[in-house]
Amino acid sequence: MWKWFLISFAIIIADHIVKYLVATRMELYQSIEIIHNVFYLTFSKNAGAAFGILQDQRVFFIVVTSEPIVTGK
């Protein structure tokens, strides 16, 4: 079990390092070819939910994910 925990932890750390490097060293929409004609790393930003759904709808997300205030009893 520890083996899978360590592998997961290493993947999460690597993911955060790559995201930090991309955010600090690449221009928006810049692409870097990783594997020739197959795999590119492109810097873009997502202000919505998964895959950009409901772009720039921050208030909607706050309302939908907020817990209702229950009064009484």
N, C-alpha and C. Protein backbone atom coordinates (compact mmCIF):
# COMPACT_ATOMS: atom_id res chain seq x y z
N MET A 1 0.82 -1.20 0.00
CA MET A 1 0.00 0.00 0.00
C MET A 1 0.86 1.26 0.00
N TRP A 2 1.96 1.25 0.73
CA TRP A 2 2.85 2.41 0.77
C TRP A 2 3.43 2.70 -0.60
N LYS A 3 3.66 1.65 -1.38
CA LYS A 3 4.21 1.83 -2.72
C LYS A 3 3.28 2.73 -3.55
N TRP A 4 1.96 2.46 -3.51
CA TRP A 4 1.01 3.23 -4.29
C TRP A 4 0.86 4.65 -3.75
N PHE A 5 0.96 4.79 -2.44
CA PHE A 5 0.91 6.12 -1.84
C PHE A 5 2.10 6.96 -2.32
N LEU A 6 3.28 6.37 -2.31
CA LEU A 6 4.48 7.10 -2.74
C LEU A 6 4.43 7.44 -4.23
N ILE A 7 3.95 6.51 -5.05
CA ILE A 7 3.83 6.78 -6.48
C ILE A 7 2.84 7.93 -6.71
N SER A 8 1.69 7.88 -6.03
CA SER A 8 0.69 8.95 -6.15
C SER A 8 1.26 10.29 -5.70
N PHE A 9 1.96 10.28 -4.59
CA PHE A 9 2.56 11.50 -4.05
C PHE A 9 3.58 12.07 -5.04
N ALA A 10 4.42 11.22 -5.63
CA ALA A 10 5.42 11.66 -6.59
C ALA A 10 4.76 12.27 -7.84
N ILE A 11 3.66 11.67 -8.30
CA ILE A 11 2.96 12.20 -9.47
C ILE A 11 2.35 13.57 -9.16
N ILE A 12 1.77 13.72 -7.98
CA ILE A 12 1.17 15.00 -7.58
C ILE A 12 2.24 16.08 -7.48
N ILE A 13 3.37 15.75 -6.87
CA ILE A 13 4.48 16.72 -6.75
C ILE A 13 4.99 17.11 -8.13
N ALA A 14 5.19 16.12 -9.02
CA ALA A 14 5.66 16.41 -10.38
C ALA A 14 4.67 17.30 -11.12
N ASP A 15 3.38 17.04 -10.95
CA ASP A 15 2.34 17.85 -11.58
C ASP A 15 2.42 19.30 -11.12
N HIS A 16 2.59 19.51 -9.83
CA HIS A 16 2.68 20.88 -9.29
C HIS A 16 3.94 21.58 -9.78
N ILE A 17 5.03 20.87 -9.88
CA ILE A 17 6.28 21.47 -10.37
C ILE A 17 6.13 21.90 -11.82
N VAL A 18 5.55 21.03 -12.65
CA VAL A 18 5.36 21.37 -14.06
C VAL A 18 4.42 22.56 -14.19
N LYS A 19 3.33 22.60 -13.43
CA LYS A 19 2.40 23.72 -13.50
C LYS A 19 3.08 25.02 -13.07
N TYR A 20 3.90 24.96 -12.04
CA TYR A 20 4.63 26.16 -11.60
C TYR A 20 5.58 26.65 -12.69
N LEU A 21 6.33 25.72 -13.28
CA LEU A 21 7.28 26.11 -14.33
C LEU A 21 6.57 26.69 -15.55
N VAL A 22 5.47 26.10 -15.94
CA VAL A 22 4.70 26.61 -17.08
C VAL A 22 4.18 28.01 -16.77
N ALA A 23 3.60 28.20 -15.58
CA ALA A 23 3.02 29.49 -15.22
C ALA A 23 4.06 30.59 -15.10
N THR A 24 5.28 30.25 -14.73
CA THR A 24 6.30 31.28 -14.51
C THR A 24 7.24 31.48 -15.70
N ARG A 25 7.26 30.54 -16.64
CA ARG A 25 8.26 30.64 -17.71
C ARG A 25 7.70 30.64 -19.12
N MET A 26 6.40 30.46 -19.27
CA MET A 26 5.81 30.43 -20.61
C MET A 26 4.82 31.58 -20.77
N GLU A 27 4.68 32.03 -22.01
CA GLU A 27 3.68 33.03 -22.37
C GLU A 27 2.34 32.31 -22.57
N LEU A 28 1.25 33.03 -22.36
CA LEU A 28 -0.08 32.47 -22.57
C LEU A 28 -0.21 31.98 -24.01
N TYR A 29 -0.69 30.76 -24.20
CA TYR A 29 -0.89 30.07 -25.49
C TYR A 29 0.41 29.67 -26.18
N GLN A 30 1.53 29.79 -25.51
CA GLN A 30 2.80 29.31 -26.07
C GLN A 30 2.80 27.78 -26.02
N SER A 31 3.34 27.13 -27.06
CA SER A 31 3.43 25.67 -27.11
C SER A 31 4.87 25.23 -27.18
N ILE A 32 5.16 24.13 -26.53
CA ILE A 32 6.47 23.49 -26.61
C ILE A 32 6.24 22.06 -27.07
N GLU A 33 6.96 21.68 -28.13
CA GLU A 33 6.83 20.33 -28.67
C GLU A 33 7.61 19.36 -27.78
N ILE A 34 6.92 18.38 -27.20
CA ILE A 34 7.56 17.39 -26.33
C ILE A 34 7.95 16.16 -27.15
N ILE A 35 7.00 15.62 -27.91
CA ILE A 35 7.26 14.51 -28.83
C ILE A 35 6.89 15.00 -30.22
N HIS A 36 7.82 14.93 -31.15
CA HIS A 36 7.67 15.49 -32.50
C HIS A 36 6.35 15.08 -33.14
N ASN A 37 5.53 16.08 -33.49
CA ASN A 37 4.23 15.92 -34.15
C ASN A 37 3.23 15.05 -33.39
N VAL A 38 3.44 14.84 -32.09
CA VAL A 38 2.54 14.00 -31.32
C VAL A 38 2.05 14.71 -30.05
N PHE A 39 2.96 15.25 -29.26
CA PHE A 39 2.61 15.77 -27.94
C PHE A 39 3.21 17.15 -27.74
N TYR A 40 2.33 18.12 -27.45
CA TYR A 40 2.75 19.50 -27.21
C TYR A 40 2.28 19.94 -25.83
N LEU A 41 3.08 20.75 -25.17
CA LEU A 41 2.70 21.38 -23.91
C LEU A 41 2.32 22.81 -24.24
N THR A 42 1.05 23.16 -24.02
CA THR A 42 0.54 24.49 -24.35
C THR A 42 -0.01 25.14 -23.09
N PHE A 43 0.40 26.39 -22.84
CA PHE A 43 -0.04 27.11 -21.66
C PHE A 43 -1.35 27.83 -21.97
N SER A 44 -2.40 27.45 -21.25
CA SER A 44 -3.68 28.14 -21.35
C SER A 44 -4.28 28.21 -19.94
N LYS A 45 -5.25 29.07 -19.77
CA LYS A 45 -5.89 29.23 -18.47
C LYS A 45 -7.36 28.87 -18.59
N ASN A 46 -7.91 28.28 -17.53
CA ASN A 46 -9.31 27.87 -17.50
C ASN A 46 -9.99 28.58 -16.33
N ALA A 47 -10.92 29.47 -16.66
CA ALA A 47 -11.62 30.21 -15.61
C ALA A 47 -12.99 29.59 -15.31
N GLY A 48 -13.24 28.40 -15.82
CA GLY A 48 -14.53 27.75 -15.60
C GLY A 48 -14.34 26.42 -14.89
N ALA A 49 -15.32 25.56 -15.05
CA ALA A 49 -15.25 24.22 -14.46
C ALA A 49 -14.47 23.32 -15.42
N ALA A 50 -14.69 22.05 -15.34
CA ALA A 50 -13.97 21.10 -16.18
C ALA A 50 -14.10 21.46 -17.66
N PHE A 51 -12.98 21.51 -18.34
CA PHE A 51 -12.91 21.77 -19.78
C PHE A 51 -13.50 23.12 -20.17
N GLY A 52 -13.50 24.08 -19.24
CA GLY A 52 -13.94 25.44 -19.55
C GLY A 52 -15.44 25.66 -19.52
N ILE A 53 -16.19 24.69 -19.00
CA ILE A 53 -17.64 24.84 -18.93
C ILE A 53 -17.97 26.01 -17.99
N LEU A 54 -18.94 26.81 -18.35
CA LEU A 54 -19.38 27.97 -17.56
C LEU A 54 -18.23 28.94 -17.28
N GLN A 55 -17.55 29.33 -18.31
CA GLN A 55 -16.41 30.23 -18.20
C GLN A 55 -16.79 31.53 -17.50
N ASP A 56 -15.99 31.96 -16.55
CA ASP A 56 -16.16 33.22 -15.81
C ASP A 56 -17.48 33.32 -15.06
N GLN A 57 -17.99 32.23 -14.55
CA GLN A 57 -19.25 32.21 -13.79
C GLN A 57 -18.98 31.96 -12.31
N ARG A 58 -18.08 32.72 -11.72
CA ARG A 58 -17.66 32.53 -10.34
C ARG A 58 -18.82 32.59 -9.35
N VAL A 59 -19.72 33.57 -9.51
CA VAL A 59 -20.86 33.71 -8.60
C VAL A 59 -21.73 32.44 -8.65
N PHE A 60 -21.96 31.91 -9.83
CA PHE A 60 -22.75 30.69 -9.97
C PHE A 60 -22.12 29.55 -9.17
N PHE A 61 -20.80 29.37 -9.28
CA PHE A 61 -20.13 28.30 -8.55
C PHE A 61 -20.20 28.50 -7.04
N ILE A 62 -20.10 29.72 -6.59
CA ILE A 62 -20.21 30.01 -5.15
C ILE A 62 -21.60 29.66 -4.65
N VAL A 63 -22.62 30.07 -5.39
CA VAL A 63 -24.00 29.79 -4.97
C VAL A 63 -24.28 28.29 -4.98
N VAL A 64 -23.88 27.61 -6.03
CA VAL A 64 -24.17 26.18 -6.16
C VAL A 64 -23.45 25.35 -5.10
N THR A 65 -22.25 25.73 -4.73
CA THR A 65 -21.48 24.93 -3.78
C THR A 65 -21.65 25.38 -2.34
N SER A 66 -22.39 26.45 -2.10
CA SER A 66 -22.59 26.92 -0.73
C SER A 66 -23.62 26.06 0.00
N GLU A 67 -23.40 25.90 1.28
CA GLU A 67 -24.37 25.17 2.11
C GLU A 67 -25.48 26.11 2.52
N PRO A 68 -26.72 25.65 2.43
CA PRO A 68 -27.82 26.52 2.84
C PRO A 68 -27.82 26.74 4.36
N ILE A 69 -28.28 27.90 4.77
CA ILE A 69 -28.38 28.20 6.19
C ILE A 69 -29.72 27.68 6.69
N VAL A 70 -29.67 26.77 7.66
CA VAL A 70 -30.89 26.17 8.19
C VAL A 70 -31.22 26.83 9.51
N THR A 71 -32.43 27.35 9.63
CA THR A 71 -32.84 27.99 10.88
C THR A 71 -34.02 27.21 11.47
N GLY A 72 -34.25 27.44 12.71
CA GLY A 72 -35.38 26.80 13.38
C GLY A 72 -34.93 25.66 14.28
N LYS A 73 -35.89 25.02 14.88
CA LYS A 73 -35.68 23.93 15.83
C LYS A 73 -34.42 24.12 16.58
